Amino acid sequence: HGSKHLMPEKGLSSQQCNTTVEMATANGVNVYHYLTYLLEKLPDDSMSDNELDQLAPWNEKVKAEIERRAENSNQ
């Protein structure tokens, strides 16, 4: 699946960062809260494709979590 971009081998390149931001935006996910979420989960190369897919911005659970965080930050 297309989630391997979430897993930098030697740091996050600007291209990987731009792709992550673009994917979050395209999926209607708050970019700030999504990036914070990813930093908390710290994806790495030991994660399976399925585990990485669970962090993708098109995952409905991720979308719900990011929406919850965005709503809570607006209170």
Protein backbone atom coordinates (compact mmCIF):
# COMPACT_ATOMS: atom_id res chain seq x y z
CA HIS A 1 0.00 0.00 0.00
CA GLY A 2 1.09 3.64 -0.24
CA SER A 3 1.95 4.07 3.44
CA LYS A 4 5.69 3.39 3.27
CA HIS A 5 6.30 7.15 2.86
CA LEU A 6 5.44 7.43 6.57
CA MET A 7 8.60 5.52 7.42
CA PRO A 8 11.79 7.43 6.72
CA GLU A 9 15.01 5.41 6.67
CA LYS A 10 17.36 8.25 7.60
CA GLY A 11 15.19 11.13 8.67
CA LEU A 12 12.25 12.82 7.05
CA SER A 13 13.04 14.47 3.73
CA SER A 14 11.20 17.59 2.65
CA GLN A 15 9.60 15.55 -0.15
CA GLN A 16 8.28 12.99 2.35
CA CYS A 17 7.01 15.79 4.57
CA ASN A 18 5.28 17.50 1.62
CA THR A 19 3.71 14.20 0.56
CA THR A 20 2.44 13.56 4.07
CA VAL A 21 0.96 17.07 4.28
CA GLU A 22 -0.62 16.73 0.81
CA MET A 23 -2.14 13.36 1.69
CA ALA A 24 -3.57 14.71 4.94
CA THR A 25 -5.03 17.70 3.12
CA ALA A 26 -6.46 15.54 0.31
CA ASN A 27 -8.17 13.35 2.91
CA GLY A 28 -9.67 16.31 4.77
CA VAL A 29 -7.49 15.78 7.84
CA ASN A 30 -6.19 18.67 9.97
CA VAL A 31 -2.49 18.75 9.05
CA TYR A 32 -1.20 20.03 12.40
CA HIS A 33 -3.05 17.40 14.42
CA TYR A 34 -2.16 14.65 11.94
CA LEU A 35 1.56 15.44 12.10
CA THR A 36 1.36 15.55 15.90
CA TYR A 37 -0.40 12.17 15.83
CA LEU A 38 2.32 10.68 13.60
CA LEU A 39 5.08 12.01 15.86
CA GLU A 40 3.38 10.36 18.84
CA LYS A 41 3.19 7.02 17.00
CA LEU A 42 6.72 7.27 15.54
CA PRO A 43 6.36 4.95 12.54
CA ASP A 44 9.53 3.04 11.69
CA ASP A 45 10.82 0.36 9.34
CA SER A 46 9.95 -2.45 11.75
CA MET A 47 6.23 -1.79 11.24
CA SER A 48 4.26 -3.98 8.85
CA ASP A 49 2.31 -2.54 5.92
CA ASN A 50 -0.87 -3.17 7.90
CA GLU A 51 0.47 -1.24 10.91
CA LEU A 52 1.48 1.64 8.66
CA ASP A 53 -1.94 1.63 6.99
CA GLN A 54 -3.44 2.10 10.47
CA LEU A 55 -1.64 5.49 10.60
CA ALA A 56 -2.65 6.67 7.11
CA PRO A 57 -4.81 9.80 6.79
CA TRP A 58 -7.47 7.86 4.85
CA ASN A 59 -7.98 5.44 7.76
CA GLU A 60 -11.39 6.19 9.28
CA LYS A 61 -10.13 5.71 12.86
CA VAL A 62 -7.31 8.18 12.23
CA LYS A 63 -9.73 10.67 10.68
CA ALA A 64 -12.02 10.40 13.71
CA GLU A 65 -9.10 10.84 16.14
CA ILE A 66 -7.76 13.89 14.30
CA GLU A 67 -11.24 15.42 14.12
CA ARG A 68 -11.63 14.88 17.88
CA ARG A 69 -8.27 16.54 18.56
CA ALA A 70 -9.10 19.49 16.31
CA GLU A 71 -12.48 19.98 18.02
CA ASN A 72 -10.90 19.77 21.49
CA SER A 73 -8.26 22.34 20.56
CA ASN A 74 -10.98 24.81 19.51
CA GLN A 75 -12.67 24.81 22.93
